[in-house]
């Protein structure tokens, strides 16, 4: 009977936090203090997480430029969530930044992101 209770509790846990995949990003990784450009593709109306992966410690981050054809929400200091506008196909762009210190540099890095909406 105990196993049944545990299974019921686990099935009631929210799944949405785990259901959103990371955006499949191409571009060169950056270091703090150097800007970069990233690219990814997503289907119209779909959502993906965009994590900032710069080696070191991230102190702060934010949105420098909002997307024109989707929404961008900051989940925590290293992760953003992009949702493409439903029914739109084409390109979109936004910019985010991260400030911190790493083994290869420190300062503010701006990441210009180009999205292809399929």
Protein backbone atom coordinates (compact mmCIF):
# COMPACT_ATOMS: atom_id res chain seq x y z
CA UNK A 1 0.00 0.00 0.00
CA UNK A 2 2.90 2.37 0.64
CA UNK A 3 4.14 2.14 -2.93
CA UNK A 4 0.73 3.15 -4.22
CA UNK A 5 0.76 6.29 -2.05
CA UNK A 6 4.21 7.29 -3.31
CA UNK A 7 3.16 6.76 -6.92
CA UNK A 8 0.11 8.96 -6.47
CA UNK A 9 2.19 11.75 -4.88
CA UNK A 10 4.76 11.60 -7.68
CA UNK A 11 2.08 11.73 -10.36
CA UNK A 12 0.74 14.97 -8.88
CA UNK A 13 4.11 16.74 -9.16
CA UNK A 14 4.18 19.50 -11.79
CA UNK A 15 5.78 18.34 -15.02
CA UNK A 16 5.98 21.64 -16.87
CA UNK A 17 9.39 22.54 -15.41
CA UNK A 18 10.84 19.38 -16.94
CA UNK A 19 8.90 19.35 -20.20
CA UNK A 20 10.58 22.39 -21.78
CA UNK A 21 13.73 21.41 -23.70
CA UNK A 22 16.83 23.57 -24.07
CA UNK A 23 17.11 25.47 -27.34
CA UNK A 24 19.57 23.73 -29.69
CA UNK A 25 22.05 26.58 -29.95
CA UNK A 26 24.94 27.01 -32.36
CA UNK A 27 27.62 29.63 -31.92
CA UNK A 28 30.95 29.95 -30.20
CA UNK A 29 30.99 29.86 -26.40
CA UNK A 30 32.06 33.12 -24.84
CA UNK A 31 33.96 34.29 -21.81
CA UNK A 32 32.91 37.05 -19.47
CA UNK A 33 33.71 40.43 -20.96
CA UNK A 34 33.39 39.30 -24.61
CA UNK A 35 30.19 39.50 -26.67
CA UNK A 36 28.94 36.64 -28.85
CA UNK A 37 26.22 35.69 -31.32
CA UNK A 38 24.08 32.56 -31.02
CA UNK A 39 21.58 30.88 -33.36
CA UNK A 40 18.75 28.41 -32.82
CA UNK A 41 15.58 27.18 -34.52
CA UNK A 42 12.19 26.53 -32.94
CA UNK A 43 8.73 25.73 -34.31
CA UNK A 44 6.01 28.36 -34.38
CA UNK A 45 4.26 28.51 -31.01
CA UNK A 46 6.87 26.32 -29.31
CA UNK A 47 9.01 27.05 -26.26
CA UNK A 48 12.62 26.29 -25.35
CA UNK A 49 15.00 27.25 -22.56
CA UNK A 50 18.07 29.29 -23.40
CA UNK A 51 20.77 28.81 -20.75
CA UNK A 52 23.83 31.06 -20.63
CA UNK A 53 26.83 28.75 -20.35
CA UNK A 54 29.89 30.87 -19.65
CA UNK A 55 32.57 29.22 -17.48
CA UNK A 56 32.79 30.85 -14.07
CA UNK A 57 30.39 32.56 -11.67
CA UNK A 58 27.44 34.55 -13.03
CA UNK A 59 26.65 37.54 -10.78
CA UNK A 60 23.78 39.08 -12.73
CA UNK A 61 21.97 38.82 -16.05
CA UNK A 62 19.06 40.28 -17.93
CA UNK A 63 17.42 41.14 -21.22
CA UNK A 64 19.10 43.81 -23.38
CA UNK A 65 16.66 43.59 -26.29
CA UNK A 66 13.24 41.91 -26.31
CA UNK A 67 12.19 39.66 -29.21
CA UNK A 68 9.72 41.07 -31.76
CA UNK A 69 7.96 37.79 -32.62
CA UNK A 70 7.90 35.91 -29.34
CA UNK A 71 8.25 36.24 -25.60
CA UNK A 72 11.34 35.97 -23.44
CA UNK A 73 11.19 35.31 -19.72
CA UNK A 74 14.10 35.10 -17.30
CA UNK A 75 13.82 31.96 -15.14
CA UNK A 76 16.95 32.48 -13.02
CA UNK A 77 20.38 34.11 -13.28
CA UNK A 78 21.55 31.71 -16.03
CA UNK A 79 18.38 30.60 -17.87
CA UNK A 80 15.85 32.32 -20.11
CA UNK A 81 12.71 30.85 -21.71
CA UNK A 82 11.79 31.80 -25.29
CA UNK A 83 8.34 31.16 -26.79
CA UNK A 84 7.81 31.80 -30.49
CA UNK A 85 4.61 33.57 -31.46
CA UNK A 86 1.96 31.09 -32.59
CA UNK A 87 1.34 31.23 -36.35
CA UNK A 88 4.51 33.22 -37.08
CA UNK A 89 7.24 31.83 -39.32
CA UNK A 90 10.42 33.72 -40.08
CA UNK A 91 13.20 35.20 -38.00
CA UNK A 92 13.35 36.80 -34.60
CA UNK A 93 16.16 38.33 -32.57
CA UNK A 94 16.81 39.27 -28.98
CA UNK A 95 19.80 40.04 -26.77
CA UNK A 96 20.62 38.97 -23.25
CA UNK A 97 23.60 39.72 -21.03
CA UNK A 98 25.52 38.08 -18.23
CA UNK A 99 27.96 39.67 -15.82
CA UNK A 100 30.46 37.65 -13.85
CA UNK A 101 33.94 36.30 -13.37
CA UNK A 102 35.52 33.29 -14.96
CA UNK A 103 38.87 31.65 -15.45
CA UNK A 104 39.45 33.52 -18.73
CA UNK A 105 37.99 36.96 -18.03
CA UNK A 106 35.45 39.04 -16.18
CA UNK A 107 32.86 41.68 -16.99
CA UNK A 108 29.68 41.90 -19.01
CA UNK A 109 28.98 39.73 -22.07
CA UNK A 110 26.09 40.47 -24.43
CA UNK A 111 24.71 37.52 -26.38
CA UNK A 112 22.88 38.51 -29.58
CA UNK A 113 20.48 35.68 -30.37
CA UNK A 114 19.03 34.99 -33.83
CA UNK A 115 16.07 32.60 -33.89
CA UNK A 116 14.58 30.90 -36.93
CA UNK A 117 10.87 30.23 -36.42
CA UNK A 118 9.75 27.25 -38.50
